[in-house]
Amino acid sequence: LRTTWEGTIWVQRWGSDPLAQIEAQAAP
């Protein structure tokens, strides 16, 4: 989640593969 200086909120969603989260947790 990030915001612009004007207050707009950018929300990044993960893709459809749940295992990408597992890779992200343990990435060296």
PDB file of all heavy atoms in Angstrom:
ATOM      1  N   LEU A   1       0.863  -1.188   0.000  1.00  0.00           N
ATOM      2  CA  LEU A   1       0.000   0.000   0.000  1.00  0.00           C
ATOM      3  C   LEU A   1       0.893   1.229   0.000  1.00  0.00           C
ATOM      4  O   LEU A   1       1.814   1.351   0.811  1.00  0.00           O
ATOM      5  CB  LEU A   1      -0.905  -0.010   1.235  1.00  0.00           C
ATOM      6  CG  LEU A   1      -1.919   1.133   1.399  1.00  0.00           C
ATOM      7  CD1 LEU A   1      -3.115   0.648   2.228  1.00  0.00           C
ATOM      8  CD2 LEU A   1      -1.311   2.361   2.093  1.00  0.00           C
ATOM      9  N   ARG A   2       0.609   2.148  -0.912  1.00  0.00           N
ATOM     10  CA  ARG A   2       1.314   3.425  -0.967  1.00  0.00           C
ATOM     11  C   ARG A   2       0.298   4.537  -1.204  1.00  0.00           C
ATOM     12  O   ARG A   2      -0.823   4.284  -1.652  1.00  0.00           O
ATOM     13  CB  ARG A   2       2.363   3.437  -2.094  1.00  0.00           C
ATOM     14  CG  ARG A   2       3.477   2.425  -1.951  1.00  0.00           C
ATOM     15  CD  ARG A   2       4.268   2.575  -0.653  1.00  0.00           C
ATOM     16  NE  ARG A   2       4.850   3.884  -0.513  1.00  0.00           N
ATOM     17  CZ  ARG A   2       6.070   4.211  -0.907  1.00  0.00           C
ATOM     18  NH1 ARG A   2       6.833   3.301  -1.510  1.00  0.00           N
ATOM     19  NH2 ARG A   2       6.540   5.425  -0.721  1.00  0.00           N
ATOM     20  N   THR A   3       0.703   5.762  -0.935  1.00  0.00           N
ATOM     21  CA  THR A   3      -0.178   6.908  -1.127  1.00  0.00           C
ATOM     22  C   THR A   3       0.542   7.995  -1.914  1.00  0.00           C
ATOM     23  O   THR A   3       1.770   8.116  -1.857  1.00  0.00           O
ATOM     24  CB  THR A   3      -0.647   7.494   0.217  1.00  0.00           C
ATOM     25  OG1 THR A   3       0.501   7.952   0.961  1.00  0.00           O
ATOM     26  CG2 THR A   3      -1.398   6.463   1.029  1.00  0.00           C
ATOM     27  N   THR A   4      -0.242   8.806  -2.635  1.00  0.00           N
ATOM     28  CA  THR A   4       0.309   9.952  -3.337  1.00  0.00           C
ATOM     29  C   THR A   4       0.297  11.161  -2.406  1.00  0.00           C
ATOM     30  O   THR A   4      -0.319  11.146  -1.341  1.00  0.00           O
ATOM     31  CB  THR A   4      -0.505  10.270  -4.596  1.00  0.00           C
ATOM     32  OG1 THR A   4      -1.799  10.753  -4.197  1.00  0.00           O
ATOM     33  CG2 THR A   4      -0.681   9.037  -5.468  1.00  0.00           C
ATOM     34  N   TRP A   5       0.945  12.223  -2.840  1.00  0.00           N
ATOM     35  CA  TRP A   5       0.971  13.450  -2.033  1.00  0.00           C
ATOM     36  C   TRP A   5      -0.411  14.070  -1.926  1.00  0.00           C
ATOM     37  O   TRP A   5      -0.681  14.806  -0.988  1.00  0.00           O
ATOM     38  CB  TRP A   5       1.964  14.450  -2.637  1.00  0.00           C
ATOM     39  CG  TRP A   5       3.386  14.131  -2.279  1.00  0.00           C
ATOM     40  CD1 TRP A   5       4.064  12.996  -2.600  1.00  0.00           C
ATOM     41  CD2 TRP A   5       4.283  14.935  -1.526  1.00  0.00           C
ATOM     42  NE1 TRP A   5       5.343  13.046  -2.098  1.00  0.00           N
ATOM     43  CE2 TRP A   5       5.507  14.228  -1.442  1.00  0.00           C
ATOM     44  CE3 TRP A   5       4.195  16.186  -0.942  1.00  0.00           C
ATOM     45  CZ2 TRP A   5       6.616  14.735  -0.770  1.00  0.00           C
ATOM     46  CZ3 TRP A   5       5.300  16.704  -0.283  1.00  0.00           C
ATOM     47  CH2 TRP A   5       6.498  15.984  -0.185  1.00  0.00           C
ATOM     48  N   GLU A   6      -1.273  13.766  -2.875  1.00  0.00           N
ATOM     49  CA  GLU A   6      -2.630  14.305  -2.854  1.00  0.00           C
ATOM     50  C   GLU A   6      -3.580  13.436  -2.029  1.00  0.00           C
ATOM     51  O   GLU A   6      -4.730  13.799  -1.826  1.00  0.00           O
ATOM     52  CB  GLU A   6      -3.157  14.434  -4.286  1.00  0.00           C
ATOM     53  CG  GLU A   6      -2.434  15.486  -5.125  1.00  0.00           C
ATOM     54  CD  GLU A   6      -1.055  15.022  -5.583  1.00  0.00           C
ATOM     55  OE1 GLU A   6      -0.794  13.793  -5.602  1.00  0.00           O
ATOM     56  OE2 GLU A   6      -0.218  15.896  -5.924  1.00  0.00           O
ATOM     57  N   GLY A   7      -3.120  12.279  -1.571  1.00  0.00           N
ATOM     58  CA  GLY A   7      -3.931  11.433  -0.703  1.00  0.00           C
ATOM     59  C   GLY A   7      -4.578  10.247  -1.371  1.00  0.00           C
ATOM     60  O   GLY A   7      -5.309   9.488  -0.726  1.00  0.00           O
ATOM     61  N   THR A   8      -4.335  10.046  -2.684  1.00  0.00           N
ATOM     62  CA  THR A   8      -4.858   8.864  -3.351  1.00  0.00           C
ATOM     63  C   THR A   8      -4.148   7.628  -2.811  1.00  0.00           C
ATOM     64  O   THR A   8      -2.941   7.651  -2.558  1.00  0.00           O
ATOM     65  CB  THR A   8      -4.650   8.971  -4.866  1.00  0.00           C
ATOM     66  OG1 THR A   8      -5.306  10.148  -5.347  1.00  0.00           O
ATOM     67  CG2 THR A   8      -5.220   7.771  -5.583  1.00  0.00           C
ATOM     68  N   ILE A   9      -4.894   6.543  -2.631  1.00  0.00           N
ATOM     69  CA  ILE A   9      -4.352   5.318  -2.043  1.00  0.00           C
ATOM     70  C   ILE A   9      -4.174   4.276  -3.137  1.00  0.00           C
ATOM     71  O   ILE A   9      -5.117   3.940  -3.852  1.00  0.00           O
ATOM     72  CB  ILE A   9      -5.289   4.784  -0.941  1.00  0.00           C
ATOM     73  CG1 ILE A   9      -5.532   5.866   0.125  1.00  0.00           C
ATOM     74  CG2 ILE A   9      -4.705   3.524  -0.301  1.00  0.00           C
ATOM     75  CD1 ILE A   9      -6.650   5.509   1.099  1.00  0.00           C
ATOM     76  N   TRP A  10      -2.960   3.762  -3.282  1.00  0.00           N
ATOM     77  CA  TRP A  10      -2.657   2.703  -4.235  1.00  0.00           C
ATOM     78  C   TRP A  10      -2.512   1.398  -3.460  1.00  0.00           C
ATOM     79  O   TRP A  10      -1.631   1.267  -2.611  1.00  0.00           O
ATOM     80  CB  TRP A  10      -1.369   3.014  -4.998  1.00  0.00           C
ATOM     81  CG  TRP A  10      -1.493   4.144  -5.984  1.00  0.00           C
ATOM     82  CD1 TRP A  10      -2.151   5.322  -5.809  1.00  0.00           C
ATOM     83  CD2 TRP A  10      -0.929   4.197  -7.290  1.00  0.00           C
ATOM     84  NE1 TRP A  10      -2.043   6.110  -6.924  1.00  0.00           N
ATOM     85  CE2 TRP A  10      -1.286   5.446  -7.853  1.00  0.00           C
ATOM     86  CE3 TRP A  10      -0.153   3.317  -8.045  1.00  0.00           C
ATOM     87  CZ2 TRP A  10      -0.897   5.827  -9.125  1.00  0.00           C
ATOM     88  CZ3 TRP A  10       0.247   3.704  -9.310  1.00  0.00           C
ATOM     89  CH2 TRP A  10      -0.129   4.943  -9.858  1.00  0.00           C
ATOM     90  N   VAL A  11      -3.382   0.439  -3.770  1.00  0.00           N
ATOM     91  CA  VAL A  11      -3.404  -0.841  -3.065  1.00  0.00           C
ATOM     92  C   VAL A  11      -2.962  -1.934  -4.024  1.00  0.00           C
ATOM     93  O   VAL A  11      -3.634  -2.204  -5.025  1.00  0.00           O
ATOM     94  CB  VAL A  11      -4.819  -1.156  -2.525  1.00  0.00           C
ATOM     95  CG1 VAL A  11      -4.810  -2.479  -1.765  1.00  0.00           C
ATOM     96  CG2 VAL A  11      -5.316  -0.019  -1.630  1.00  0.00           C
ATOM     97  N   GLN A  12      -1.839  -2.567  -3.734  1.00  0.00           N
ATOM     98  CA  GLN A  12      -1.349  -3.641  -4.586  1.00  0.00           C
ATOM     99  C   GLN A  12      -1.886  -4.977  -4.092  1.00  0.00           C
ATOM    100  O   GLN A  12      -1.732  -5.344  -2.931  1.00  0.00           O
ATOM    101  CB  GLN A  12       0.181  -3.670  -4.610  1.00  0.00           C
ATOM    102  CG  GLN A  12       0.745  -4.737  -5.527  1.00  0.00           C
ATOM    103  CD  GLN A  12       2.251  -4.691  -5.635  1.00  0.00           C
ATOM    104  OE1 GLN A  12       2.873  -3.703  -5.260  1.00  0.00           O
ATOM    105  NE2 GLN A  12       2.854  -5.753  -6.143  1.00  0.00           N
ATOM    106  N   ARG A  13      -2.531  -5.719  -5.012  1.00  0.00           N
ATOM    107  CA  ARG A  13      -3.043  -7.051  -4.701  1.00  0.00           C
ATOM    108  C   ARG A  13      -2.108  -8.116  -5.259  1.00  0.00           C
ATOM    109  O   ARG A  13      -1.486  -7.921  -6.306  1.00  0.00           O
ATOM    110  CB  ARG A  13      -4.428  -7.247  -5.329  1.00  0.00           C
ATOM    111  CG  ARG A  13      -5.527  -6.433  -4.702  1.00  0.00           C
ATOM    112  CD  ARG A  13      -6.865  -6.789  -5.342  1.00  0.00           C
ATOM    113  NE  ARG A  13      -7.148  -6.014  -6.548  1.00  0.00           N
ATOM    114  CZ  ARG A  13      -7.619  -6.507  -7.664  1.00  0.00           C
ATOM    115  NH1 ARG A  13      -7.827  -7.801  -7.782  1.00  0.00           N
ATOM    116  NH2 ARG A  13      -7.878  -5.722  -8.698  1.00  0.00           N
ATOM    117  N   TRP A  14      -2.029  -9.239  -4.545  1.00  0.00           N
ATOM    118  CA  TRP A  14      -1.258 -10.362  -5.034  1.00  0.00           C
ATOM    119  C   TRP A  14      -1.958 -11.014  -6.220  1.00  0.00           C
ATOM    120  O   TRP A  14      -3.165 -10.863  -6.408  1.00  0.00           O
ATOM    121  CB  TRP A  14      -1.072 -11.406  -3.932  1.00  0.00           C
ATOM    122  CG  TRP A  14      -0.021 -11.022  -2.948  1.00  0.00           C
ATOM    123  CD1 TRP A  14      -0.165 -10.249  -1.834  1.00  0.00           C
ATOM    124  CD2 TRP A  14       1.353 -11.398  -2.992  1.00  0.00           C
ATOM    125  NE1 TRP A  14       1.029 -10.120  -1.186  1.00  0.00           N
ATOM    126  CE2 TRP A  14       1.986 -10.813  -1.865  1.00  0.00           C
ATOM    127  CE3 TRP A  14       2.111 -12.183  -3.863  1.00  0.00           C
ATOM    128  CZ2 TRP A  14       3.340 -10.985  -1.602  1.00  0.00           C
ATOM    129  CZ3 TRP A  14       3.470 -12.345  -3.597  1.00  0.00           C
ATOM    130  CH2 TRP A  14       4.064 -11.754  -2.482  1.00  0.00           C
ATOM    131  N   GLY A  15      -1.196 -11.790  -7.001  1.00  0.00           N
ATOM    132  CA  GLY A  15      -1.749 -12.548  -8.113  1.00  0.00           C
ATOM    133  C   GLY A  15      -2.491 -13.771  -7.622  1.00  0.00           C
ATOM    134  O   GLY A  15      -2.711 -13.962  -6.419  1.00  0.00           O
ATOM    135  N   SER A  16      -2.859 -14.631  -8.548  1.00  0.00           N
ATOM    136  CA  SER A  16      -3.748 -15.745  -8.214  1.00  0.00           C
ATOM    137  C   SER A  16      -3.022 -16.965  -7.649  1.00  0.00           C
ATOM    138  O   SER A  16      -3.673 -17.926  -7.255  1.00  0.00           O
ATOM    139  CB  SER A  16      -4.541 -16.157  -9.455  1.00  0.00           C
ATOM    140  OG  SER A  16      -3.658 -16.497 -10.510  1.00  0.00           O
ATOM    141  N   ASP A  17      -1.675 -16.969  -7.603  1.00  0.00           N
ATOM    142  CA  ASP A  17      -0.931 -18.104  -7.070  1.00  0.00           C
ATOM    143  C   ASP A  17      -0.585 -17.865  -5.610  1.00  0.00           C
ATOM    144  O   ASP A  17       0.284 -17.051  -5.299  1.00  0.00           O
ATOM    145  CB  ASP A  17       0.352 -18.323  -7.870  1.00  0.00           C
ATOM    146  CG  ASP A  17       1.162 -19.506  -7.353  1.00  0.00           C
ATOM    147  OD1 ASP A  17       0.635 -20.260  -6.502  1.00  0.00           O
ATOM    148  OD2 ASP A  17       2.305 -19.674  -7.799  1.00  0.00           O
ATOM    149  N   PRO A  18      -1.214 -18.573  -4.669  1.00  0.00           N
ATOM    150  CA  PRO A  18      -0.932 -18.345  -3.250  1.00  0.00           C
ATOM    151  C   PRO A  18       0.505 -18.664  -2.853  1.00  0.00           C
ATOM    152  O   PRO A  18       1.016 -18.107  -1.883  1.00  0.00           O
ATOM    153  CB  PRO A  18      -1.913 -19.290  -2.534  1.00  0.00           C
ATOM    154  CG  PRO A  18      -2.963 -19.599  -3.531  1.00  0.00           C
ATOM    155  CD  PRO A  18      -2.286 -19.569  -4.864  1.00  0.00           C
ATOM    156  N   LEU A  19       1.179 -19.547  -3.590  1.00  0.00           N
ATOM    157  CA  LEU A  19       2.535 -19.927  -3.203  1.00  0.00           C
ATOM    158  C   LEU A  19       3.547 -18.803  -3.435  1.00  0.00           C
ATOM    159  O   LEU A  19       4.667 -18.871  -2.939  1.00  0.00           O
ATOM    160  CB  LEU A  19       2.958 -21.183  -3.964  1.00  0.00           C
ATOM    161  CG  LEU A  19       2.118 -22.445  -3.673  1.00  0.00           C
ATOM    162  CD1 LEU A  19       2.727 -23.647  -4.360  1.00  0.00           C
ATOM    163  CD2 LEU A  19       2.002 -22.676  -2.176  1.00  0.00           C
ATOM    164  N   ALA A  20       3.170 -17.778  -4.190  1.00  0.00           N
ATOM    165  CA  ALA A  20       4.063 -16.622  -4.331  1.00  0.00           C
ATOM    166  C   ALA A  20       4.320 -15.981  -2.974  1.00  0.00           C
ATOM    167  O   ALA A  20       5.392 -15.423  -2.726  1.00  0.00           O
ATOM    168  CB  ALA A  20       3.454 -15.610  -5.293  1.00  0.00           C
ATOM    169  N   GLN A  21       3.325 -16.047  -2.074  1.00  0.00           N
ATOM    170  CA  GLN A  21       3.494 -15.500  -0.737  1.00  0.00           C
ATOM    171  C   GLN A  21       4.540 -16.287   0.048  1.00  0.00           C
ATOM    172  O   GLN A  21       5.339 -15.722   0.778  1.00  0.00           O
ATOM    173  CB  GLN A  21       2.160 -15.510   0.005  1.00  0.00           C
ATOM    174  CG  GLN A  21       2.222 -14.947   1.408  1.00  0.00           C
ATOM    175  CD  GLN A  21       2.238 -16.032   2.485  1.00  0.00           C
ATOM    176  OE1 GLN A  21       2.139 -17.211   2.195  1.00  0.00           O
ATOM    177  NE2 GLN A  21       2.356 -15.612   3.723  1.00  0.00           N
ATOM    178  N   ILE A  22       4.549 -17.608  -0.117  1.00  0.00           N
ATOM    179  CA  ILE A  22       5.518 -18.448   0.578  1.00  0.00           C
ATOM    180  C   ILE A  22       6.926 -18.121   0.109  1.00  0.00           C
ATOM    181  O   ILE A  22       7.861 -18.006   0.912  1.00  0.00           O
ATOM    182  CB  ILE A  22       5.197 -19.933   0.356  1.00  0.00           C
ATOM    183  CG1 ILE A  22       3.800 -20.264   0.883  1.00  0.00           C
ATOM    184  CG2 ILE A  22       6.248 -20.821   1.011  1.00  0.00           C
ATOM    185  CD1 ILE A  22       3.603 -20.011   2.362  1.00  0.00           C
ATOM    186  N   GLU A  23       7.104 -17.943  -1.183  1.00  0.00           N
ATOM    187  CA  GLU A  23       8.416 -17.566  -1.719  1.00  0.00           C
ATOM    188  C   GLU A  23       8.860 -16.217  -1.177  1.00  0.00           C
ATOM    189  O   GLU A  23      10.028 -16.010  -0.858  1.00  0.00           O
ATOM    190  CB  GLU A  23       8.368 -17.534  -3.245  1.00  0.00           C
ATOM    191  CG  GLU A  23       8.150 -18.888  -3.891  1.00  0.00           C
ATOM    192  CD  GLU A  23       8.129 -18.796  -5.400  1.00  0.00           C
ATOM    193  OE1 GLU A  23       8.343 -17.676  -5.924  1.00  0.00           O
ATOM    194  OE2 GLU A  23       7.901 -19.825  -6.055  1.00  0.00           O
ATOM    195  N   ALA A  24       7.929 -15.287  -1.067  1.00  0.00           N
ATOM    196  CA  ALA A  24       8.270 -13.950  -0.585  1.00  0.00           C
ATOM    197  C   ALA A  24       8.685 -13.985   0.876  1.00  0.00           C
ATOM    198  O   ALA A  24       9.604 -13.278   1.279  1.00  0.00           O
ATOM    199  CB  ALA A  24       7.077 -13.014  -0.762  1.00  0.00           C
ATOM    200  N   GLN A  25       8.027 -14.799   1.698  1.00  0.00           N
ATOM    201  CA  GLN A  25       8.378 -14.881   3.110  1.00  0.00           C
ATOM    202  C   GLN A  25       9.799 -15.371   3.306  1.00  0.00           C
ATOM    203  O   GLN A  25      10.515 -14.889   4.168  1.00  0.00           O
ATOM    204  CB  GLN A  25       7.426 -15.824   3.848  1.00  0.00           C
ATOM    205  CG  GLN A  25       6.082 -15.212   4.185  1.00  0.00           C
ATOM    206  CD  GLN A  25       5.268 -16.122   5.097  1.00  0.00           C
ATOM    207  OE1 GLN A  25       5.385 -17.340   5.051  1.00  0.00           O
ATOM    208  NE2 GLN A  25       4.447 -15.516   5.918  1.00  0.00           N
ATOM    209  N   ALA A  26      10.211 -16.370   2.524  1.00  0.00           N
ATOM    210  CA  ALA A  26      11.485 -17.019   2.766  1.00  0.00           C
ATOM    211  C   ALA A  26      12.578 -16.605   1.795  1.00  0.00           C
ATOM    212  O   ALA A  26      13.639 -17.202   1.800  1.00  0.00           O
ATOM    213  CB  ALA A  26      11.300 -18.539   2.708  1.00  0.00           C
ATOM    214  N   ALA A  27      12.324 -15.607   0.961  1.00  0.00           N
ATOM    215  CA  ALA A  27      13.339 -15.180  -0.004  1.00  0.00           C
ATOM    216  C   ALA A  27      14.594 -14.725   0.712  1.00  0.00           C
ATOM    217  O   ALA A  27      14.530 -13.914   1.632  1.00  0.00           O
ATOM    218  CB  ALA A  27      12.802 -14.045  -0.875  1.00  0.00           C
ATOM    219  N   PRO A  28      15.781 -15.223   0.349  1.00  0.00           N
ATOM    220  CA  PRO A  28      17.012 -14.845   1.028  1.00  0.00           C
ATOM    221  C   PRO A  28      17.263 -13.355   1.060  1.00  0.00           C
ATOM    222  O   PRO A  28      17.791 -12.817   2.010  1.00  0.00           O
ATOM    223  CB  PRO A  28      18.101 -15.580   0.215  1.00  0.00           C
ATOM    224  CG  PRO A  28      17.390 -16.741  -0.397  1.00  0.00           C
ATOM    225  CD  PRO A  28      15.995 -16.245  -0.678  1.00  0.00           C
TER     226      PRO A  28
END
